[in-house]
Amino acid sequence: MWEEELLEQCRLLLADVSLQPLSYDVWQWLPNPSEGYSVRVVYAMLTGQGVSQVTHEVDLIWHRQVPLKVSILAWRLLRDRLPTKSNLAMRGVLDADACQCVSGCGSMEDASHLFLLCPCFGSLWPMLRHWIGFHGTYHCDISSHFVQFIHSTGGLKARRSFLQLIWLLIVWVLWNKRNNRLFNMKESSMIQLLDKVKYYSLWWLKANKTIFVFGDQF
């Protein structure tokens, strides 16, 4: 089964790649594709000048108790590089009229909708907040939502680390739910997804010999 999982991950990584006929492979400097690499741009990046708003959020996706594949998924999400239907349509892989959310809610499936705003997929967040025991209103922008969620209960380092782990877990669980529904016609309830988040978060903490106590810390 693990071979099939790796094959599916590889297929998803290549889903938004468009091959150009009669073209050669080229190296590209992503911070400035049009002008290319320059020492000035690199210096500005290293000294914090002109650093994009997402830089801080990207630093938070690397968590020592989270598998690398989960952090890579979050990295792609924060850069809007996941093969959502809207991104596939922009690359000409899907027709514009085939971009409706896999949940059947009728909205276009972009990243913000799928992970935060969808009446189906987005309903996992209030369930999660109820489990943890805090409430609040959150951004509809994914990067801002990530940072606000991590810092939503105060400044204790252990608390922030746990919420960081939880956010990354939810992203992973929701993306797998989306793919299972789209490609395998498999359904799972939001209660089942919440149970997965609980199980994996506590399992990872236990496996890494980390103790987190509910109640007084929240």
C-alpha atoms as a PDB file:
ATOM      1  CA  MET A   1       0.000   0.000   0.000  1.00  0.00           C
ATOM      2  CA  TRP A   2       2.849   2.430   0.715  1.00  0.00           C
ATOM      3  CA  GLU A   3       4.006   2.127  -2.913  1.00  0.00           C
ATOM      4  CA  GLU A   4       0.552   3.195  -4.090  1.00  0.00           C
ATOM      5  CA  GLU A   5       0.618   6.164  -1.710  1.00  0.00           C
ATOM      6  CA  LEU A   6       4.005   7.290  -3.052  1.00  0.00           C
ATOM      7  CA  LEU A   7       2.785   6.866  -6.630  1.00  0.00           C
ATOM      8  CA  GLU A   8      -0.273   9.005  -5.896  1.00  0.00           C
ATOM      9  CA  GLN A   9       1.902  11.705  -4.301  1.00  0.00           C
ATOM     10  CA  CYS A  10       4.165  11.685  -7.357  1.00  0.00           C
ATOM     11  CA  ARG A  11       1.161  11.976  -9.668  1.00  0.00           C
ATOM     12  CA  LEU A  12      -0.164  14.947  -7.697  1.00  0.00           C
ATOM     13  CA  LEU A  13       3.216  16.671  -7.802  1.00  0.00           C
ATOM     14  CA  LEU A  14       3.216  16.375 -11.593  1.00  0.00           C
ATOM     15  CA  ALA A  15      -0.446  17.298 -12.064  1.00  0.00           C
ATOM     16  CA  ASP A  16       0.265  21.008 -12.508  1.00  0.00           C
ATOM     17  CA  VAL A  17       3.329  20.538 -14.720  1.00  0.00           C
ATOM     18  CA  SER A  18       2.797  21.544 -18.339  1.00  0.00           C
ATOM     19  CA  LEU A  19       5.286  20.171 -20.863  1.00  0.00           C
ATOM     20  CA  GLN A  20       6.189  22.483 -23.740  1.00  0.00           C
ATOM     21  CA  PRO A  21       6.819  20.726 -27.068  1.00  0.00           C
ATOM     22  CA  LEU A  22      10.073  21.547 -28.901  1.00  0.00           C
ATOM     23  CA  SER A  23      11.416  23.349 -25.818  1.00  0.00           C
ATOM     24  CA  TYR A  24      14.525  22.611 -23.782  1.00  0.00           C
ATOM     25  CA  ASP A  25      14.723  22.424 -19.995  1.00  0.00           C
ATOM     26  CA  VAL A  26      16.055  25.628 -18.442  1.00  0.00           C
ATOM     27  CA  TRP A  27      17.124  26.820 -15.016  1.00  0.00           C
ATOM     28  CA  GLN A  28      14.897  29.563 -13.626  1.00  0.00           C
ATOM     29  CA  TRP A  29      15.463  31.979 -10.726  1.00  0.00           C
ATOM     30  CA  LEU A  30      11.999  31.987  -9.113  1.00  0.00           C
ATOM     31  CA  PRO A  31      12.279  35.285  -7.162  1.00  0.00           C
ATOM     32  CA  ASN A  32      12.740  37.092 -10.503  1.00  0.00           C
ATOM     33  CA  PRO A  33      12.050  34.824 -13.512  1.00  0.00           C
ATOM     34  CA  SER A  34      12.081  37.655 -16.068  1.00  0.00           C
ATOM     35  CA  GLU A  35      15.461  39.206 -15.179  1.00  0.00           C
ATOM     36  CA  GLY A  36      17.089  36.129 -13.688  1.00  0.00           C
ATOM     37  CA  TYR A  37      19.556  35.736 -10.833  1.00  0.00           C
ATOM     38  CA  SER A  38      21.391  38.738  -9.441  1.00  0.00           C
ATOM     39  CA  VAL A  39      23.560  39.318  -6.380  1.00  0.00           C
ATOM     40  CA  ARG A  40      21.514  42.426  -5.536  1.00  0.00           C
ATOM     41  CA  VAL A  41      18.253  40.453  -5.260  1.00  0.00           C
ATOM     42  CA  VAL A  42      19.872  37.726  -3.163  1.00  0.00           C
ATOM     43  CA  TYR A  43      21.385  40.317  -0.835  1.00  0.00           C
ATOM     44  CA  ALA A  44      17.985  41.982  -0.429  1.00  0.00           C
ATOM     45  CA  MET A  45      16.416  38.627   0.424  1.00  0.00           C
ATOM     46  CA  LEU A  46      19.103  37.704   2.951  1.00  0.00           C
ATOM     47  CA  THR A  47      18.949  41.073   4.690  1.00  0.00           C
ATOM     48  CA  GLY A  48      15.164  41.059   4.864  1.00  0.00           C
ATOM     49  CA  GLN A  49      14.565  43.702   2.206  1.00  0.00           C
ATOM     50  CA  GLY A  50      11.720  42.914  -0.108  1.00  0.00           C
ATOM     51  CA  VAL A  51      10.977  39.604   1.572  1.00  0.00           C
ATOM     52  CA  SER A  52       7.481  38.439   0.774  1.00  0.00           C
ATOM     53  CA  GLN A  53       4.810  38.308   3.455  1.00  0.00           C
ATOM     54  CA  VAL A  54       4.713  34.536   3.240  1.00  0.00           C
ATOM     55  CA  THR A  55       8.331  34.104   4.400  1.00  0.00           C
ATOM     56  CA  HIS A  56       7.453  34.003   8.113  1.00  0.00           C
ATOM     57  CA  GLU A  57       4.604  31.578   7.530  1.00  0.00           C
ATOM     58  CA  VAL A  58       6.841  29.263   5.524  1.00  0.00           C
ATOM     59  CA  ASP A  59       9.316  29.130   8.399  1.00  0.00           C
ATOM     60  CA  LEU A  60       6.534  27.754  10.598  1.00  0.00           C
ATOM     61  CA  ILE A  61       5.731  24.736   8.430  1.00  0.00           C
ATOM     62  CA  TRP A  62       8.912  22.919   9.482  1.00  0.00           C
ATOM     63  CA  HIS A  63       7.994  21.102  12.676  1.00  0.00           C
ATOM     64  CA  ARG A  64      10.220  18.383  14.127  1.00  0.00           C
ATOM     65  CA  GLN A  65       7.233  16.206  15.058  1.00  0.00           C
ATOM     66  CA  VAL A  66       5.588  16.421  11.632  1.00  0.00           C
ATOM     67  CA  PRO A  67       6.561  14.126   8.721  1.00  0.00           C
ATOM     68  CA  LEU A  68       8.397  15.907   5.923  1.00  0.00           C
ATOM     69  CA  LYS A  69       5.673  15.123   3.376  1.00  0.00           C
ATOM     70  CA  VAL A  70       3.153  17.037   5.507  1.00  0.00           C
ATOM     71  CA  SER A  71       5.384  20.110   5.689  1.00  0.00           C
ATOM     72  CA  ILE A  72       5.998  19.947   1.933  1.00  0.00           C
ATOM     73  CA  LEU A  73       2.252  19.894   1.334  1.00  0.00           C
ATOM     74  CA  ALA A  74       1.863  22.983   3.547  1.00  0.00           C
ATOM     75  CA  TRP A  75       4.758  24.664   1.716  1.00  0.00           C
ATOM     76  CA  ARG A  76       2.971  24.151  -1.596  1.00  0.00           C
ATOM     77  CA  LEU A  77      -0.321  25.332  -0.124  1.00  0.00           C
ATOM     78  CA  LEU A  78       1.117  28.605   1.199  1.00  0.00           C
ATOM     79  CA  ARG A  79       2.532  29.290  -2.271  1.00  0.00           C
ATOM     80  CA  ASP A  80      -0.711  28.240  -3.979  1.00  0.00           C
ATOM     81  CA  ARG A  81       1.112  25.440  -5.798  1.00  0.00           C
ATOM     82  CA  LEU A  82      -1.340  22.617  -5.069  1.00  0.00           C
ATOM     83  CA  PRO A  83      -3.197  21.169  -8.067  1.00  0.00           C
ATOM     84  CA  THR A  84      -6.587  22.532  -7.052  1.00  0.00           C
ATOM     85  CA  LYS A  85      -9.127  22.691  -9.851  1.00  0.00           C
ATOM     86  CA  SER A  86      -8.722  26.449 -10.245  1.00  0.00           C
ATOM     87  CA  ASN A  87      -4.940  26.087 -10.618  1.00  0.00           C
ATOM     88  CA  LEU A  88      -5.349  23.254 -13.107  1.00  0.00           C
ATOM     89  CA  ALA A  89      -7.742  25.426 -15.132  1.00  0.00           C
ATOM     90  CA  MET A  90      -5.219  28.286 -15.155  1.00  0.00           C
ATOM     91  CA  ARG A  91      -2.658  25.886 -16.628  1.00  0.00           C
ATOM     92  CA  GLY A  92      -5.077  24.596 -19.241  1.00  0.00           C
ATOM     93  CA  VAL A  93      -5.356  21.132 -17.702  1.00  0.00           C
ATOM     94  CA  LEU A  94      -9.075  21.557 -16.899  1.00  0.00           C
ATOM     95  CA  ASP A  95     -11.831  23.511 -18.605  1.00  0.00           C
ATOM     96  CA  ALA A  96     -13.009  26.589 -16.723  1.00  0.00           C
ATOM     97  CA  ASP A  97     -16.467  25.057 -16.289  1.00  0.00           C
ATOM     98  CA  ALA A  98     -14.981  21.991 -14.530  1.00  0.00           C
ATOM     99  CA  CYS A  99     -13.645  23.886 -11.521  1.00  0.00           C
ATOM    100  CA  GLN A 100     -16.438  23.369  -9.035  1.00  0.00           C
ATOM    101  CA  CYS A 101     -15.475  22.175  -5.563  1.00  0.00           C
ATOM    102  CA  VAL A 102     -15.346  18.412  -5.155  1.00  0.00           C
ATOM    103  CA  SER A 103     -17.686  18.730  -2.159  1.00  0.00           C
ATOM    104  CA  GLY A 104     -20.557  19.658  -4.482  1.00  0.00           C
ATOM    105  CA  CYS A 105     -21.157  23.030  -2.808  1.00  0.00           C
ATOM    106  CA  GLY A 106     -21.145  24.798  -6.181  1.00  0.00           C
ATOM    107  CA  SER A 107     -18.214  27.162  -5.549  1.00  0.00           C
ATOM    108  CA  MET A 108     -14.945  27.252  -7.443  1.00  0.00           C
ATOM    109  CA  GLU A 109     -12.281  25.036  -5.927  1.00  0.00           C
ATOM    110  CA  ASP A 110      -9.348  27.283  -5.115  1.00  0.00           C
ATOM    111  CA  ALA A 111      -7.098  26.818  -2.086  1.00  0.00           C
ATOM    112  CA  SER A 112      -8.825  29.314   0.229  1.00  0.00           C
ATOM    113  CA  HIS A 113     -12.237  27.863  -0.511  1.00  0.00           C
ATOM    114  CA  LEU A 114     -11.182  24.228  -0.202  1.00  0.00           C
ATOM    115  CA  PHE A 115      -9.280  24.538   3.078  1.00  0.00           C
ATOM    116  CA  LEU A 116     -11.159  27.355   4.835  1.00  0.00           C
ATOM    117  CA  LEU A 117     -14.454  28.464   3.306  1.00  0.00           C
ATOM    118  CA  CYS A 118     -16.127  25.314   1.963  1.00  0.00           C
ATOM    119  CA  PRO A 119     -19.271  24.435   3.969  1.00  0.00           C
ATOM    120  CA  CYS A 120     -18.115  20.810   3.959  1.00  0.00           C
ATOM    121  CA  PHE A 121     -14.314  20.869   4.278  1.00  0.00           C
ATOM    122  CA  GLY A 122     -14.156  24.111   6.249  1.00  0.00           C
ATOM    123  CA  SER A 123     -16.480  22.754   8.935  1.00  0.00           C
ATOM    124  CA  LEU A 124     -13.551  20.823  10.407  1.00  0.00           C
ATOM    125  CA  TRP A 125     -12.070  24.030  11.877  1.00  0.00           C
ATOM    126  CA  PRO A 126     -14.901  24.869  14.321  1.00  0.00           C
ATOM    127  CA  MET A 127     -15.043  21.212  15.355  1.00  0.00           C
ATOM    128  CA  LEU A 128     -11.313  21.324  16.044  1.00  0.00           C
ATOM    129  CA  ARG A 129     -11.595  24.565  18.032  1.00  0.00           C
ATOM    130  CA  HIS A 130     -14.375  23.027  20.108  1.00  0.00           C
ATOM    131  CA  TRP A 131     -12.138  20.015  20.857  1.00  0.00           C
ATOM    132  CA  ILE A 132      -9.258  22.216  21.942  1.00  0.00           C
ATOM    133  CA  GLY A 133     -11.551  24.570  23.819  1.00  0.00           C
ATOM    134  CA  PHE A 134     -11.202  28.022  22.304  1.00  0.00           C
ATOM    135  CA  HIS A 135     -13.215  30.123  19.897  1.00  0.00           C
ATOM    136  CA  GLY A 136     -12.613  32.996  17.538  1.00  0.00           C
ATOM    137  CA  THR A 137     -12.936  34.425  14.055  1.00  0.00           C
ATOM    138  CA  TYR A 138     -10.197  33.635  11.573  1.00  0.00           C
ATOM    139  CA  HIS A 139      -8.818  35.093   8.349  1.00  0.00           C
ATOM    140  CA  CYS A 140      -9.963  33.799   4.994  1.00  0.00           C
ATOM    141  CA  ASP A 141      -6.399  34.170   3.724  1.00  0.00           C
ATOM    142  CA  ILE A 142      -4.500  30.918   4.261  1.00  0.00           C
ATOM    143  CA  SER A 143      -1.187  32.456   5.359  1.00  0.00           C
ATOM    144  CA  SER A 144      -2.866  34.807   7.837  1.00  0.00           C
ATOM    145  CA  HIS A 145      -5.092  31.988   9.080  1.00  0.00           C
ATOM    146  CA  PHE A 146      -2.001  29.835   9.754  1.00  0.00           C
ATOM    147  CA  VAL A 147      -0.236  32.485  11.829  1.00  0.00           C
ATOM    148  CA  GLN A 148      -3.375  33.561  13.702  1.00  0.00           C
ATOM    149  CA  PHE A 149      -4.265  29.967  14.551  1.00  0.00           C
ATOM    150  CA  ILE A 150      -0.820  29.251  15.986  1.00  0.00           C
ATOM    151  CA  HIS A 151      -0.828  32.386  18.167  1.00  0.00           C
ATOM    152  CA  SER A 152      -4.515  32.341  19.072  1.00  0.00           C
ATOM    153  CA  THR A 153      -4.127  31.051  22.636  1.00  0.00           C
ATOM    154  CA  GLY A 154      -1.197  33.043  23.903  1.00  0.00           C
ATOM    155  CA  GLY A 155       2.540  32.965  23.946  1.00  0.00           C
ATOM    156  CA  LEU A 156       3.593  29.694  25.604  1.00  0.00           C
ATOM    157  CA  LYS A 157       6.030  27.905  23.317  1.00  0.00           C
ATOM    158  CA  ALA A 158       4.578  24.426  23.955  1.00  0.00           C
ATOM    159  CA  ARG A 159       1.098  25.699  23.157  1.00  0.00           C
ATOM    160  CA  ARG A 160       2.200  27.325  19.900  1.00  0.00           C
ATOM    161  CA  SER A 161       4.075  24.194  18.881  1.00  0.00           C
ATOM    162  CA  PHE A 162       1.013  22.021  19.457  1.00  0.00           C
ATOM    163  CA  LEU A 163      -1.261  24.345  17.450  1.00  0.00           C
ATOM    164  CA  GLN A 164       1.331  24.456  14.710  1.00  0.00           C
ATOM    165  CA  LEU A 165       1.252  20.657  14.563  1.00  0.00           C
ATOM    166  CA  ILE A 166      -2.555  20.624  14.568  1.00  0.00           C
ATOM    167  CA  TRP A 167      -2.830  23.114  11.682  1.00  0.00           C
ATOM    168  CA  LEU A 168      -0.427  21.118   9.534  1.00  0.00           C
ATOM    169  CA  LEU A 169      -2.315  17.935  10.362  1.00  0.00           C
ATOM    170  CA  ILE A 170      -5.668  19.401   9.347  1.00  0.00           C
ATOM    171  CA  VAL A 171      -4.253  20.565   6.017  1.00  0.00           C
ATOM    172  CA  TRP A 172      -2.942  17.042   5.382  1.00  0.00           C
ATOM    173  CA  VAL A 173      -6.212  15.359   6.383  1.00  0.00           C
ATOM    174  CA  LEU A 174      -8.366  17.729   4.289  1.00  0.00           C
ATOM    175  CA  TRP A 175      -6.216  17.340   1.187  1.00  0.00           C
ATOM    176  CA  ASN A 176      -6.359  13.552   1.468  1.00  0.00           C
ATOM    177  CA  LYS A 177     -10.117  13.697   1.952  1.00  0.00           C
ATOM    178  CA  ARG A 178     -10.414  15.815  -1.177  1.00  0.00           C
ATOM    179  CA  ASN A 179      -8.303  13.393  -3.229  1.00  0.00           C
ATOM    180  CA  ASN A 180     -10.083  10.313  -1.914  1.00  0.00           C
ATOM    181  CA  ARG A 181     -13.412  11.799  -2.895  1.00  0.00           C
ATOM    182  CA  LEU A 182     -12.193  12.974  -6.301  1.00  0.00           C
ATOM    183  CA  PHE A 183     -10.133   9.984  -7.410  1.00  0.00           C
ATOM    184  CA  ASN A 184     -11.340   7.022  -5.344  1.00  0.00           C
ATOM    185  CA  MET A 185     -14.986   7.949  -4.677  1.00  0.00           C
ATOM    186  CA  LYS A 186     -14.332   7.345  -0.965  1.00  0.00           C
ATOM    187  CA  GLU A 187     -16.325   9.273   1.627  1.00  0.00           C
ATOM    188  CA  SER A 188     -15.498  10.010   5.240  1.00  0.00           C
ATOM    189  CA  SER A 189     -17.435  12.130   7.708  1.00  0.00           C
ATOM    190  CA  MET A 190     -16.019  15.209   9.381  1.00  0.00           C
ATOM    191  CA  ILE A 191     -16.237  13.365  12.710  1.00  0.00           C
ATOM    192  CA  GLN A 192     -13.962  10.683  11.262  1.00  0.00           C
ATOM    193  CA  LEU A 193     -11.531  13.354  10.072  1.00  0.00           C
ATOM    194  CA  LEU A 194     -11.484  14.986  13.497  1.00  0.00           C
ATOM    195  CA  ASP A 195     -10.756  11.587  15.042  1.00  0.00           C
ATOM    196  CA  LYS A 196      -7.818  11.230  12.646  1.00  0.00           C
ATOM    197  CA  VAL A 197      -6.461  14.621  13.688  1.00  0.00           C
ATOM    198  CA  LYS A 198      -6.766  13.670  17.363  1.00  0.00           C
ATOM    199  CA  TYR A 199      -5.161  10.282  16.844  1.00  0.00           C
ATOM    200  CA  TYR A 200      -2.236  11.445  14.720  1.00  0.00           C
ATOM    201  CA  SER A 201      -1.479  14.515  16.838  1.00  0.00           C
ATOM    202  CA  LEU A 202      -1.383  12.556  20.082  1.00  0.00           C
ATOM    203  CA  TRP A 203       0.464   9.666  18.428  1.00  0.00           C
ATOM    204  CA  TRP A 204       3.157  11.974  17.045  1.00  0.00           C
ATOM    205  CA  LEU A 205       3.558  13.688  20.401  1.00  0.00           C
ATOM    206  CA  LYS A 206       3.854  10.344  22.160  1.00  0.00           C
ATOM    207  CA  ALA A 207       6.292   8.973  19.557  1.00  0.00           C
ATOM    208  CA  ASN A 208       8.499  12.005  20.062  1.00  0.00           C
ATOM    209  CA  LYS A 209       8.211  11.762  23.873  1.00  0.00           C
ATOM    210  CA  THR A 210       6.398  15.105  24.095  1.00  0.00           C
ATOM    211  CA  ILE A 211       3.733  15.606  26.745  1.00  0.00           C
ATOM    212  CA  PHE A 212       0.992  18.143  26.230  1.00  0.00           C
ATOM    213  CA  VAL A 213      -1.696  18.621  28.864  1.00  0.00           C
ATOM    214  CA  PHE A 214      -5.138  19.944  27.994  1.00  0.00           C
ATOM    215  CA  GLY A 215      -7.114  22.100  30.378  1.00  0.00           C
ATOM    216  CA  ASP A 216      -4.958  24.621  32.220  1.00  0.00           C
ATOM    217  CA  GLN A 217      -2.868  25.368  29.128  1.00  0.00           C
ATOM    218  CA  PHE A 218      -5.919  26.315  27.080  1.00  0.00           C
END
